[in-house]
Amino acid sequence: MFNLQDTVSVVIGGNGVLGSAMSSALAEAGSKVAVVGRDMEKARLVCEQIERSGGIASSFQADATKKDELESVLIDVLQWGGRVDTLVNASGTNSPTPFFDLEMDEWDKIMDVNLKSVVLASQVFGRKMIEQGTGGSIINISSVSSAPPLSRVFTYSASKAGVNSITQFLAREFAPNKIRVNAIIPGFFPAEQNKKILSPDRIQSIMQHTPMNRFGDPEELKGTVVYLASPKASSFVTGALLRVDGGFGAMTI
C-alpha cells in the first residue's frame, strides 16, 4: 500500500529541516529522491544520510524562484532517474516584520520563495508528469497560518493562503491526467525560518492553542508525505489540505 519502489520523487527545498525529513521518508518507502536546494552542500549532506540508510538520492542545485534553473534540474533529474512521479514543494521563508514596517522587497522575497516557487515547479515538473501519462502526485507544504492568519507573520500567512488556493486549483486542473495535488498543513515545527519569531510569550501562546501541548518533530511528517505520494494509499485524494498540527486547527477556547 505504501511502497514507492520504482518511482522518482523531486523535493524542492529538500535540504531544509522539514524537506530533509520528507526526502528521507520517500527514500525509506523505496523512491529515488532528487533533493533540490540552493545550498548544494546541505543537499549533499541530506543525500549522504539517505544513502547511509540504504536509500537512493542525488542532489541538485536550483533557485526555486527561477524557472530556467528548475527546467535545467528537470533535465538532470530525467537523465538520473528517467521520470518524475512525485513533486514536493517544500521551499519556505518567513519574517516577523510588523505590517507598517513591511517593505515591498521583503514582501516579494517571501512571496517568491513560498508561492511563486510552487507555481513554477508545478509548471515545470507537472508538465513532464502529464507528458508521461502515468499520473503522479504533487504535494505542497502550507501552514497553519494560512487560515486563519497568525499574528506577526503577515506576508507569510498571505503566501500560504495562496498555496492552499493553488493546491485546490491544480487538483481540479490535473485530475483528468491522474495527477493528484494536495497540501500538508504543518503545525509548529521549529525550523530556521520561524525560530526568530518564537519568543517565550509566543511559545506560551502556541502551547495554549495546541491540544497536544508540544511542538511537532519533523519525523512526524514522514507518514503523511508517503501517504500522499502513494498511488494506492491516496488514490482518491486530491485537493485536500491535510493538517499535521497537534490539534492546533481544532482549538478555540
Protein backbone atom coordinates (compact mmCIF):
# COMPACT_ATOMS: atom_id res chain seq x y z
CA MET A 1 0.00 0.00 0.00
CA PHE A 2 2.81 2.44 0.84
CA ASN A 3 5.52 1.02 -1.39
CA LEU A 4 7.11 3.67 -3.64
CA GLN A 5 9.55 1.29 -5.34
CA ASP A 6 10.45 2.21 -8.94
CA THR A 7 9.31 5.81 -8.53
CA VAL A 8 11.25 9.07 -8.65
CA SER A 9 10.47 11.92 -6.25
CA VAL A 10 11.64 15.52 -6.54
CA VAL A 11 11.75 17.52 -3.31
CA ILE A 12 12.17 21.26 -3.83
CA GLY A 13 13.72 22.63 -0.65
CA GLY A 14 14.74 19.10 0.26
CA ASN A 15 17.76 20.38 2.17
CA GLY A 16 15.63 22.17 4.80
CA VAL A 17 14.54 20.83 8.18
CA LEU A 18 11.13 19.65 7.01
CA GLY A 19 12.21 18.96 3.44
CA SER A 20 15.04 16.69 4.53
CA ALA A 21 12.71 14.63 6.71
CA MET A 22 10.27 14.23 3.84
CA SER A 23 13.10 13.35 1.44
CA SER A 24 14.20 10.62 3.84
CA ALA A 25 10.64 9.33 4.17
CA LEU A 26 10.19 8.96 0.43
CA ALA A 27 13.54 7.17 0.14
CA GLU A 28 12.66 4.83 3.01
CA ALA A 29 9.49 3.92 1.10
CA GLY A 30 11.58 2.95 -1.92
CA SER A 31 11.53 6.05 -4.11
CA LYS A 32 14.63 7.50 -5.72
CA VAL A 33 14.80 11.05 -4.37
CA ALA A 34 16.12 14.17 -6.08
CA VAL A 35 16.98 16.64 -3.32
CA VAL A 36 16.81 20.16 -4.79
CA GLY A 37 18.06 23.26 -2.99
CA ARG A 38 20.04 26.46 -3.34
CA ASP A 39 22.65 25.25 -0.84
CA MET A 40 24.33 22.35 -2.62
CA GLU A 41 26.40 21.34 0.39
CA LYS A 42 23.30 20.92 2.57
CA ALA A 43 21.58 18.99 -0.21
CA ARG A 44 24.57 16.65 -0.47
CA LEU A 45 24.51 16.03 3.27
CA VAL A 46 20.83 15.04 3.08
CA CYS A 47 21.63 12.62 0.26
CA GLU A 48 24.54 11.12 2.16
CA GLN A 49 22.28 10.45 5.13
CA ILE A 50 19.69 8.82 2.89
CA GLU A 51 22.32 6.63 1.26
CA ARG A 52 23.75 5.58 4.64
CA SER A 53 20.26 4.36 5.47
CA GLY A 54 20.11 2.28 2.28
CA GLY A 55 18.15 4.71 0.11
CA ILE A 56 18.89 6.24 -3.28
CA ALA A 57 19.22 10.02 -3.62
CA SER A 58 21.02 12.68 -5.60
CA SER A 59 21.45 16.42 -5.00
CA PHE A 60 20.57 19.15 -7.49
CA GLN A 61 21.14 22.88 -7.19
CA ALA A 62 18.50 25.44 -8.13
CA ASP A 63 16.84 28.63 -7.01
CA ALA A 64 13.19 27.55 -7.00
CA THR A 65 12.07 31.09 -7.84
CA LYS A 66 13.77 30.88 -11.25
CA LYS A 67 12.04 28.83 -13.92
CA ASP A 68 15.13 28.35 -16.08
CA GLU A 69 17.01 26.77 -13.18
CA LEU A 70 14.12 24.41 -12.47
CA GLU A 71 13.97 23.45 -16.15
CA SER A 72 17.68 22.66 -16.01
CA VAL A 73 17.14 20.49 -12.93
CA LEU A 74 14.32 18.63 -14.70
CA ILE A 75 16.72 17.68 -17.50
CA ASP A 76 19.28 16.47 -14.98
CA VAL A 77 16.70 14.55 -12.96
CA LEU A 78 15.44 12.78 -16.08
CA GLN A 79 18.99 11.80 -17.01
CA TRP A 80 19.49 10.46 -13.48
CA GLY A 81 16.13 8.86 -12.72
CA GLY A 82 14.31 8.67 -16.04
CA ARG A 83 10.97 10.07 -14.85
CA VAL A 84 9.14 12.14 -12.22
CA ASP A 85 6.35 10.60 -10.14
CA THR A 86 6.17 12.86 -7.09
CA LEU A 87 6.89 16.55 -6.61
CA VAL A 88 7.13 18.04 -3.13
CA ASN A 89 7.20 21.85 -2.90
CA ALA A 90 8.87 22.50 0.44
CA SER A 91 10.74 25.78 -0.03
CA GLY A 92 9.92 28.35 2.63
CA THR A 93 10.98 31.56 4.33
CA ASN A 94 9.47 33.90 6.92
CA SER A 95 9.84 37.25 8.67
CA PRO A 96 8.22 38.86 11.74
CA THR A 97 8.23 42.39 10.26
CA PRO A 98 5.23 44.46 11.50
CA PHE A 99 2.72 45.43 8.81
CA PHE A 100 3.54 49.16 8.70
CA ASP A 101 7.28 48.43 8.56
CA LEU A 102 6.96 45.98 5.70
CA GLU A 103 8.93 46.89 2.58
CA MET A 104 8.00 45.50 -0.80
CA ASP A 105 11.36 43.86 -1.34
CA GLU A 106 10.71 41.69 1.71
CA TRP A 107 7.14 41.02 0.54
CA ASP A 108 8.45 39.98 -2.87
CA LYS A 109 11.11 37.68 -1.39
CA ILE A 110 8.66 35.80 0.84
CA MET A 111 6.03 35.56 -1.89
CA ASP A 112 8.63 34.33 -4.37
CA VAL A 113 10.05 31.61 -2.12
CA ASN A 114 6.74 30.44 -0.64
CA LEU A 115 4.30 30.89 -3.51
CA LYS A 116 5.98 31.63 -6.82
CA SER A 117 8.23 28.57 -6.40
CA VAL A 118 5.14 26.35 -6.10
CA VAL A 119 3.71 27.74 -9.33
CA LEU A 120 6.98 27.41 -11.26
CA ALA A 121 7.84 23.92 -10.04
CA SER A 122 4.29 22.73 -10.74
CA GLN A 123 4.58 24.12 -14.27
CA VAL A 124 7.98 22.58 -14.97
CA PHE A 125 7.61 19.18 -13.32
CA GLY A 126 3.82 18.96 -13.65
CA ARG A 127 4.05 19.29 -17.43
CA LYS A 128 6.50 16.40 -17.55
CA MET A 129 4.26 14.27 -15.34
CA ILE A 130 1.36 14.93 -17.72
CA GLU A 131 3.52 14.02 -20.73
CA GLN A 132 4.48 10.73 -19.09
CA GLY A 133 0.80 9.78 -18.96
CA THR A 134 1.12 7.62 -15.85
CA GLY A 135 -0.25 10.01 -13.22
CA GLY A 136 1.59 11.25 -10.16
CA SER A 137 1.40 13.31 -7.01
CA ILE A 138 2.19 16.94 -6.21
CA ILE A 139 2.48 17.74 -2.51
CA ASN A 140 2.64 21.36 -1.40
CA ILE A 141 3.66 22.50 2.07
CA SER A 142 1.27 25.05 3.52
CA SER A 143 0.99 26.24 7.15
CA VAL A 144 -1.47 26.66 9.99
CA SER A 145 -1.06 30.39 9.37
CA SER A 146 -2.82 30.07 6.01
CA ALA A 147 -6.32 30.25 7.52
CA PRO A 148 -6.97 31.98 9.78
CA PRO A 149 -3.77 34.03 9.56
CA LEU A 150 -1.44 34.22 12.54
CA SER A 151 -0.29 37.49 14.09
CA ARG A 152 3.21 38.87 13.33
CA VAL A 153 3.66 36.98 10.04
CA PHE A 154 1.52 38.98 7.62
CA THR A 155 3.32 38.14 4.38
CA TYR A 156 3.96 34.53 5.30
CA SER A 157 0.27 33.97 6.09
CA ALA A 158 -0.78 35.54 2.81
CA SER A 159 1.69 33.39 0.86
CA LYS A 160 0.48 30.17 2.49
CA ALA A 161 -3.15 31.08 1.84
CA GLY A 162 -2.07 31.31 -1.78
CA VAL A 163 -0.53 27.84 -1.57
CA ASN A 164 -3.89 26.44 -0.43
CA SER A 165 -5.67 28.11 -3.33
CA ILE A 166 -3.15 26.91 -5.90
CA THR A 167 -3.31 23.39 -4.49
CA GLN A 168 -7.06 23.15 -5.00
CA PHE A 169 -6.95 24.87 -8.38
CA LEU A 170 -4.33 22.44 -9.70
CA ALA A 171 -6.16 19.48 -8.17
CA ARG A 172 -9.07 20.32 -10.43
CA GLU A 173 -6.91 21.04 -13.48
CA PHE A 174 -4.66 17.99 -13.21
CA ALA A 175 -7.26 15.39 -12.21
CA PRO A 176 -8.01 14.30 -15.80
CA ASN A 177 -4.32 13.42 -16.09
CA LYS A 178 -4.45 11.27 -12.93
CA ILE A 179 -2.17 13.67 -11.08
CA ARG A 180 -3.25 14.32 -7.52
CA VAL A 181 -2.43 17.66 -5.89
CA ASN A 182 -2.65 18.04 -2.13
CA ALA A 183 -1.15 20.16 0.63
CA ILE A 184 0.19 19.33 4.06
CA ILE A 185 -0.60 21.93 6.72
CA PRO A 186 2.08 21.52 9.38
CA GLY A 187 1.63 22.98 12.83
CA PHE A 188 4.63 24.35 14.68
CA PHE A 189 7.80 22.53 13.72
CA PRO A 190 10.67 24.82 14.82
CA ALA A 191 12.97 25.47 11.86
CA GLU A 192 15.34 28.23 10.79
CA GLN A 193 12.64 30.39 9.19
CA ASN A 194 10.44 30.51 12.30
CA LYS A 195 12.91 30.34 15.21
CA LYS A 196 13.33 34.12 15.05
CA ILE A 197 9.66 34.70 15.93
CA LEU A 198 9.47 32.12 18.73
CA SER A 199 9.87 34.35 21.76
CA PRO A 200 8.92 32.91 25.20
CA ASP A 201 5.49 34.59 25.14
CA ARG A 202 4.92 33.34 21.60
CA ILE A 203 5.79 29.78 22.62
CA GLN A 204 3.42 30.00 25.59
CA SER A 205 0.61 31.17 23.31
CA ILE A 206 1.28 28.35 20.84
CA MET A 207 1.19 25.72 23.57
CA GLN A 208 -2.08 27.12 24.92
CA HIS A 209 -3.62 26.66 21.48
CA THR A 210 -2.13 23.22 20.78
CA PRO A 211 -4.10 20.42 22.48
CA MET A 212 -1.10 18.08 22.32
CA ASN A 213 0.90 20.78 24.16
CA ARG A 214 4.16 20.39 22.26
CA PHE A 215 5.95 21.24 19.04
CA GLY A 216 5.96 18.78 16.17
CA ASP A 217 9.01 16.75 15.23
CA PRO A 218 9.93 16.67 11.50
CA GLU A 219 9.84 12.87 11.70
CA GLU A 220 6.10 13.17 12.28
CA LEU A 221 5.59 14.42 8.73
CA LYS A 222 7.04 11.28 7.20
CA GLY A 223 3.90 9.17 7.22
CA THR A 224 1.81 11.95 5.71
CA VAL A 225 4.12 12.62 2.78
CA VAL A 226 4.42 8.90 1.97
CA TYR A 227 0.64 8.52 2.17
CA LEU A 228 0.07 11.39 -0.27
CA ALA A 229 2.81 10.16 -2.60
CA SER A 230 1.44 6.62 -2.72
CA PRO A 231 -0.70 5.96 -5.83
CA LYS A 232 -2.52 3.24 -3.88
CA ALA A 233 -2.95 4.62 -0.37
CA SER A 234 -4.27 8.02 -1.51
CA SER A 235 -5.59 7.15 -4.96
CA PHE A 236 -8.86 9.10 -4.47
CA VAL A 237 -7.37 12.01 -2.53
CA THR A 238 -6.85 15.30 -4.34
CA GLY A 239 -7.43 18.92 -3.39
CA ALA A 240 -7.02 18.01 0.29
CA LEU A 241 -5.43 20.31 2.87
CA LEU A 242 -4.21 17.78 5.40
CA ARG A 243 -3.38 19.07 8.88
CA VAL A 244 -0.48 17.71 10.92
CA ASP A 245 -0.66 20.22 13.76
CA GLY A 246 -1.23 18.55 17.11
CA GLY A 247 -4.81 19.80 17.11
CA PHE A 248 -3.98 23.49 16.62
CA GLY A 249 -6.66 23.89 13.95
CA ALA A 250 -9.31 22.37 16.23
CA MET A 251 -8.66 24.73 19.16
CA THR A 252 -10.86 27.70 20.02
CA ILE A 253 -11.10 28.48 23.74
